[in-house]
Amino acid sequence: MAWLHNGRIIKAGKSWTDGETQHPSNWMLWSDSEKTDRGLVWQDDPDTSYDNRFYWARDVERSLEDINVVDEDDNPVIDPLTGVQQIQPGLKTNWIKTTKETANSLLSKSDWYVTRKAENNTAIPSDINTYRNNVRTACNTIETAINDCTTLNEFKALFETPVDSDGTPTGNAPIYNFPEEV
């Protein structure tokens, strides 16, 4: 955002000339109409914002699918450790990994019940069993929704929180729709 005079940025706190008149360094105190009367024009910065979950840069979409990495001559880039072509993971791969990590994190808090059952044959409480099953089901449901996306807009819709007619959230966005912890 800047005030311009004949295409030149006029810096705040600096005096400037319009070719005939030397204007004072406190010109920023002028009202907007005073500034425009003296030939200044306001210019907004270009909109460079973008959602980096879905875009590499403004208007440069991330790929949903994995991409084989190639060099400038379109030759495969081979990983020197594995001898296999390098792959740039797509949004689906990355978010399935994130979903599995979330499910693992949720389940790990109650893993001790499973260990206790294996070691001492102590029953796992039914609400814990139900919760663990619901986490696994939610993980599978989210993965299926991710894999079913064929366009970036479909994928972006997974991040939209459902709302009622008043705009009040009515649940979780599909990508985050795990059960409440017990």
C-alpha atoms as a PDB file:
ATOM      1  CA  MET A   1       0.000   0.000   0.000  1.00  0.00           C
ATOM      2  CA  ALA A   2       1.479   3.299  -0.999  1.00  0.00           C
ATOM      3  CA  TRP A   3       0.770   6.822  -2.123  1.00  0.00           C
ATOM      4  CA  LEU A   4       2.174   7.489  -5.577  1.00  0.00           C
ATOM      5  CA  HIS A   5       2.899  10.657  -7.518  1.00  0.00           C
ATOM      6  CA  ASN A   6       3.328  10.128 -11.269  1.00  0.00           C
ATOM      7  CA  GLY A   7       4.040   6.437 -10.596  1.00  0.00           C
ATOM      8  CA  ARG A   8       6.720   7.146  -7.964  1.00  0.00           C
ATOM      9  CA  ILE A   9       6.212   5.931  -4.386  1.00  0.00           C
ATOM     10  CA  ILE A  10       6.119   8.798  -1.905  1.00  0.00           C
ATOM     11  CA  LYS A  11       7.669   7.632   1.358  1.00  0.00           C
ATOM     12  CA  ALA A  12       6.079   8.496   4.695  1.00  0.00           C
ATOM     13  CA  GLY A  13       8.141  10.967   6.709  1.00  0.00           C
ATOM     14  CA  LYS A  14      10.035  12.209   3.625  1.00  0.00           C
ATOM     15  CA  SER A  15       9.477  15.463   1.794  1.00  0.00           C
ATOM     16  CA  TRP A  16       8.778  15.260  -1.925  1.00  0.00           C
ATOM     17  CA  THR A  17       8.373  17.476  -4.939  1.00  0.00           C
ATOM     18  CA  ASP A  18       5.805  17.401  -7.682  1.00  0.00           C
ATOM     19  CA  GLY A  19       8.156  19.245 -10.017  1.00  0.00           C
ATOM     20  CA  GLU A  20       6.968  22.678  -8.923  1.00  0.00           C
ATOM     21  CA  THR A  21       6.337  22.515  -5.196  1.00  0.00           C
ATOM     22  CA  GLN A  22       8.410  21.008  -2.399  1.00  0.00           C
ATOM     23  CA  HIS A  23       5.960  19.243  -0.055  1.00  0.00           C
ATOM     24  CA  PRO A  24       6.775  18.779   3.645  1.00  0.00           C
ATOM     25  CA  SER A  25       7.836  15.526   5.320  1.00  0.00           C
ATOM     26  CA  ASN A  26       4.622  15.526   7.383  1.00  0.00           C
ATOM     27  CA  TRP A  27       2.437  15.205   4.264  1.00  0.00           C
ATOM     28  CA  MET A  28       0.956  11.999   5.742  1.00  0.00           C
ATOM     29  CA  LEU A  29      -1.082  14.241   8.086  1.00  0.00           C
ATOM     30  CA  TRP A  30      -3.062  15.574   5.120  1.00  0.00           C
ATOM     31  CA  SER A  31      -6.527  14.183   4.553  1.00  0.00           C
ATOM     32  CA  ASP A  32      -6.993  11.800   1.636  1.00  0.00           C
ATOM     33  CA  SER A  33      -8.716  14.558  -0.369  1.00  0.00           C
ATOM     34  CA  GLU A  34      -5.771  16.923   0.271  1.00  0.00           C
ATOM     35  CA  LYS A  35      -3.394  14.223  -0.947  1.00  0.00           C
ATOM     36  CA  THR A  36      -5.375  13.613  -4.134  1.00  0.00           C
ATOM     37  CA  ASP A  37      -5.669  17.388  -4.698  1.00  0.00           C
ATOM     38  CA  ARG A  38      -1.864  17.484  -4.795  1.00  0.00           C
ATOM     39  CA  GLY A  39      -1.690  14.672  -7.371  1.00  0.00           C
ATOM     40  CA  LEU A  40      -1.156  11.690  -5.076  1.00  0.00           C
ATOM     41  CA  VAL A  41      -2.835   8.416  -5.960  1.00  0.00           C
ATOM     42  CA  TRP A  42      -3.401   5.539  -3.533  1.00  0.00           C
ATOM     43  CA  GLN A  43      -2.329   2.108  -4.756  1.00  0.00           C
ATOM     44  CA  ASP A  44      -3.155  -1.089  -2.919  1.00  0.00           C
ATOM     45  CA  ASP A  45      -0.588  -3.849  -2.837  1.00  0.00           C
ATOM     46  CA  PRO A  46      -1.447  -6.663  -5.210  1.00  0.00           C
ATOM     47  CA  ASP A  47      -3.279  -9.502  -3.509  1.00  0.00           C
ATOM     48  CA  THR A  48      -0.628 -12.155  -3.018  1.00  0.00           C
ATOM     49  CA  SER A  49      -2.452 -14.128  -0.356  1.00  0.00           C
ATOM     50  CA  TYR A  50      -3.172 -17.785  -0.880  1.00  0.00           C
ATOM     51  CA  ASP A  51      -3.986 -20.821   1.227  1.00  0.00           C
ATOM     52  CA  ASN A  52      -0.753 -22.808   1.371  1.00  0.00           C
ATOM     53  CA  ARG A  53      -2.673 -25.975   2.221  1.00  0.00           C
ATOM     54  CA  PHE A  54      -3.860 -26.046  -1.394  1.00  0.00           C
ATOM     55  CA  TYR A  55      -1.504 -23.786  -3.373  1.00  0.00           C
ATOM     56  CA  TRP A  56       2.267 -23.485  -3.842  1.00  0.00           C
ATOM     57  CA  ALA A  57       1.826 -19.790  -4.683  1.00  0.00           C
ATOM     58  CA  ARG A  58      -1.030 -17.551  -5.762  1.00  0.00           C
ATOM     59  CA  ASP A  59      -2.917 -19.431  -8.503  1.00  0.00           C
ATOM     60  CA  VAL A  60      -0.397 -22.335  -8.477  1.00  0.00           C
ATOM     61  CA  GLU A  61      -2.352 -25.364  -7.272  1.00  0.00           C
ATOM     62  CA  ARG A  62      -0.767 -28.225  -5.391  1.00  0.00           C
ATOM     63  CA  SER A  63      -1.322 -31.575  -7.060  1.00  0.00           C
ATOM     64  CA  LEU A  64      -3.830 -33.988  -5.577  1.00  0.00           C
ATOM     65  CA  GLU A  65      -1.824 -36.936  -6.843  1.00  0.00           C
ATOM     66  CA  ASP A  66       1.834 -37.864  -6.369  1.00  0.00           C
ATOM     67  CA  ILE A  67       4.172 -36.618  -9.084  1.00  0.00           C
ATOM     68  CA  ASN A  68       7.285 -38.355 -10.383  1.00  0.00           C
ATOM     69  CA  VAL A  69      10.208 -35.919 -10.047  1.00  0.00           C
ATOM     70  CA  VAL A  70      12.066 -35.179 -13.279  1.00  0.00           C
ATOM     71  CA  ASP A  71      14.957 -32.864 -14.135  1.00  0.00           C
ATOM     72  CA  GLU A  72      14.895 -29.988 -16.639  1.00  0.00           C
ATOM     73  CA  ASP A  73      15.359 -32.495 -19.500  1.00  0.00           C
ATOM     74  CA  ASP A  74      12.402 -34.619 -18.315  1.00  0.00           C
ATOM     75  CA  ASN A  75      14.696 -37.394 -17.084  1.00  0.00           C
ATOM     76  CA  PRO A  76      13.699 -39.171 -13.868  1.00  0.00           C
ATOM     77  CA  VAL A  77      15.455 -37.907 -10.740  1.00  0.00           C
ATOM     78  CA  ILE A  78      16.775 -41.010  -8.986  1.00  0.00           C
ATOM     79  CA  ASP A  79      17.206 -41.144  -5.221  1.00  0.00           C
ATOM     80  CA  PRO A  80      20.869 -42.055  -4.670  1.00  0.00           C
ATOM     81  CA  LEU A  81      20.066 -44.055  -1.522  1.00  0.00           C
ATOM     82  CA  THR A  82      17.259 -46.201  -2.904  1.00  0.00           C
ATOM     83  CA  GLY A  83      17.925 -46.142  -6.635  1.00  0.00           C
ATOM     84  CA  VAL A  84      14.227 -45.358  -7.171  1.00  0.00           C
ATOM     85  CA  GLN A  85      12.740 -42.321  -8.880  1.00  0.00           C
ATOM     86  CA  GLN A  86      11.915 -39.559  -6.416  1.00  0.00           C
ATOM     87  CA  ILE A  87       8.250 -38.745  -5.903  1.00  0.00           C
ATOM     88  CA  GLN A  88       6.703 -35.435  -4.856  1.00  0.00           C
ATOM     89  CA  PRO A  89       3.813 -36.468  -2.586  1.00  0.00           C
ATOM     90  CA  GLY A  90       0.448 -34.999  -3.551  1.00  0.00           C
ATOM     91  CA  LEU A  91      -2.187 -33.582  -1.251  1.00  0.00           C
ATOM     92  CA  LYS A  92      -3.934 -36.944  -0.955  1.00  0.00           C
ATOM     93  CA  THR A  93      -0.779 -38.727   0.210  1.00  0.00           C
ATOM     94  CA  ASN A  94       0.114 -35.963   2.665  1.00  0.00           C
ATOM     95  CA  TRP A  95      -3.358 -35.727   4.184  1.00  0.00           C
ATOM     96  CA  ILE A  96      -3.817 -39.489   4.446  1.00  0.00           C
ATOM     97  CA  LYS A  97      -0.527 -39.548   6.344  1.00  0.00           C
ATOM     98  CA  THR A  98      -1.753 -36.697   8.597  1.00  0.00           C
ATOM     99  CA  THR A  99      -5.062 -38.504   9.166  1.00  0.00           C
ATOM    100  CA  LYS A 100      -3.278 -41.716  10.171  1.00  0.00           C
ATOM    101  CA  GLU A 101      -1.013 -39.740  12.523  1.00  0.00           C
ATOM    102  CA  THR A 102      -4.051 -38.108  14.124  1.00  0.00           C
ATOM    103  CA  ALA A 103      -5.761 -41.466  14.597  1.00  0.00           C
ATOM    104  CA  ASN A 104      -2.571 -42.928  16.052  1.00  0.00           C
ATOM    105  CA  SER A 105      -2.272 -40.019  18.467  1.00  0.00           C
ATOM    106  CA  LEU A 106      -5.885 -40.427  19.585  1.00  0.00           C
ATOM    107  CA  LEU A 107      -5.507 -44.195  20.027  1.00  0.00           C
ATOM    108  CA  SER A 108      -2.162 -44.011  21.821  1.00  0.00           C
ATOM    109  CA  LYS A 109      -3.783 -42.384  24.838  1.00  0.00           C
ATOM    110  CA  SER A 110      -5.744 -45.557  25.535  1.00  0.00           C
ATOM    111  CA  ASP A 111      -3.155 -48.106  24.369  1.00  0.00           C
ATOM    112  CA  TRP A 112      -2.386 -48.935  27.957  1.00  0.00           C
ATOM    113  CA  TYR A 113      -5.817 -50.606  28.233  1.00  0.00           C
ATOM    114  CA  VAL A 114      -4.858 -52.923  25.382  1.00  0.00           C
ATOM    115  CA  THR A 115      -1.472 -53.679  26.976  1.00  0.00           C
ATOM    116  CA  ARG A 116      -3.118 -54.363  30.323  1.00  0.00           C
ATOM    117  CA  LYS A 117      -5.596 -56.703  28.604  1.00  0.00           C
ATOM    118  CA  ALA A 118      -2.747 -58.592  26.867  1.00  0.00           C
ATOM    119  CA  GLU A 119      -0.615 -58.849  30.003  1.00  0.00           C
ATOM    120  CA  ASN A 120      -3.194 -59.384  32.733  1.00  0.00           C
ATOM    121  CA  ASN A 121      -6.371 -60.313  30.867  1.00  0.00           C
ATOM    122  CA  THR A 122      -8.092 -57.294  32.443  1.00  0.00           C
ATOM    123  CA  ALA A 123     -11.156 -56.249  30.473  1.00  0.00           C
ATOM    124  CA  ILE A 124     -11.053 -53.085  28.403  1.00  0.00           C
ATOM    125  CA  PRO A 125     -13.985 -50.835  29.398  1.00  0.00           C
ATOM    126  CA  SER A 126     -16.714 -50.880  26.749  1.00  0.00           C
ATOM    127  CA  ASP A 127     -16.657 -47.087  26.271  1.00  0.00           C
ATOM    128  CA  ILE A 128     -12.901 -47.291  25.531  1.00  0.00           C
ATOM    129  CA  ASN A 129     -13.452 -50.154  23.059  1.00  0.00           C
ATOM    130  CA  THR A 130     -16.251 -48.199  21.377  1.00  0.00           C
ATOM    131  CA  TYR A 131     -14.117 -45.054  21.204  1.00  0.00           C
ATOM    132  CA  ARG A 132     -11.137 -46.898  19.708  1.00  0.00           C
ATOM    133  CA  ASN A 133     -13.361 -48.535  17.093  1.00  0.00           C
ATOM    134  CA  ASN A 134     -14.926 -45.148  16.279  1.00  0.00           C
ATOM    135  CA  VAL A 135     -11.477 -43.587  15.806  1.00  0.00           C
ATOM    136  CA  ARG A 136     -10.484 -46.337  13.366  1.00  0.00           C
ATOM    137  CA  THR A 137     -13.809 -46.002  11.525  1.00  0.00           C
ATOM    138  CA  ALA A 138     -13.423 -42.211  11.326  1.00  0.00           C
ATOM    139  CA  CYS A 139      -9.885 -42.602   9.998  1.00  0.00           C
ATOM    140  CA  ASN A 140     -11.092 -44.974   7.268  1.00  0.00           C
ATOM    141  CA  THR A 141     -14.011 -42.652   6.403  1.00  0.00           C
ATOM    142  CA  ILE A 142     -11.694 -39.633   6.103  1.00  0.00           C
ATOM    143  CA  GLU A 143      -9.195 -41.592   3.989  1.00  0.00           C
ATOM    144  CA  THR A 144     -11.992 -42.703   1.666  1.00  0.00           C
ATOM    145  CA  ALA A 145     -13.240 -39.118   1.334  1.00  0.00           C
ATOM    146  CA  ILE A 146      -9.717 -37.955   0.506  1.00  0.00           C
ATOM    147  CA  ASN A 147      -9.192 -40.702  -2.073  1.00  0.00           C
ATOM    148  CA  ASP A 148     -12.591 -40.001  -3.658  1.00  0.00           C
ATOM    149  CA  CYS A 149     -11.613 -36.409  -4.519  1.00  0.00           C
ATOM    150  CA  THR A 150     -10.943 -35.844  -8.199  1.00  0.00           C
ATOM    151  CA  THR A 151     -10.615 -32.036  -8.165  1.00  0.00           C
ATOM    152  CA  LEU A 152      -8.993 -29.498  -5.878  1.00  0.00           C
ATOM    153  CA  ASN A 153     -12.406 -27.962  -5.139  1.00  0.00           C
ATOM    154  CA  GLU A 154     -13.707 -31.335  -3.938  1.00  0.00           C
ATOM    155  CA  PHE A 155     -10.619 -31.669  -1.743  1.00  0.00           C
ATOM    156  CA  LYS A 156     -10.979 -28.138  -0.353  1.00  0.00           C
ATOM    157  CA  ALA A 157     -14.604 -28.926   0.563  1.00  0.00           C
ATOM    158  CA  LEU A 158     -13.291 -31.493   3.074  1.00  0.00           C
ATOM    159  CA  PHE A 159     -11.964 -28.561   5.135  1.00  0.00           C
ATOM    160  CA  GLU A 160     -15.287 -26.708   5.289  1.00  0.00           C
ATOM    161  CA  THR A 161     -17.028 -26.818   8.664  1.00  0.00           C
ATOM    162  CA  PRO A 162     -20.765 -27.481   8.293  1.00  0.00           C
ATOM    163  CA  VAL A 163     -22.950 -24.651   9.571  1.00  0.00           C
ATOM    164  CA  ASP A 164     -26.640 -24.098  10.135  1.00  0.00           C
ATOM    165  CA  SER A 165     -28.700 -21.307   8.549  1.00  0.00           C
ATOM    166  CA  ASP A 166     -27.357 -18.848  11.151  1.00  0.00           C
ATOM    167  CA  GLY A 167     -23.745 -19.710  10.350  1.00  0.00           C
ATOM    168  CA  THR A 168     -23.235 -21.628  13.602  1.00  0.00           C
ATOM    169  CA  PRO A 169     -20.984 -24.681  13.252  1.00  0.00           C
ATOM    170  CA  THR A 170     -22.917 -27.939  13.464  1.00  0.00           C
ATOM    171  CA  GLY A 171     -19.992 -30.343  13.459  1.00  0.00           C
ATOM    172  CA  ASN A 172     -16.428 -30.833  12.346  1.00  0.00           C
ATOM    173  CA  ALA A 173     -15.045 -30.344   8.875  1.00  0.00           C
ATOM    174  CA  PRO A 174     -14.987 -33.796   7.230  1.00  0.00           C
ATOM    175  CA  ILE A 175     -11.167 -33.901   7.237  1.00  0.00           C
ATOM    176  CA  TYR A 176     -11.169 -33.477  11.038  1.00  0.00           C
ATOM    177  CA  ASN A 177     -14.249 -35.535  11.869  1.00  0.00           C
ATOM    178  CA  PHE A 178     -12.871 -37.742  14.630  1.00  0.00           C
ATOM    179  CA  PRO A 179     -14.961 -38.709  17.677  1.00  0.00           C
ATOM    180  CA  GLU A 180     -14.760 -36.781  20.929  1.00  0.00           C
ATOM    181  CA  GLU A 181     -12.152 -38.216  23.273  1.00  0.00           C
ATOM    182  CA  VAL A 182     -13.407 -40.369  26.136  1.00  0.00           C
END
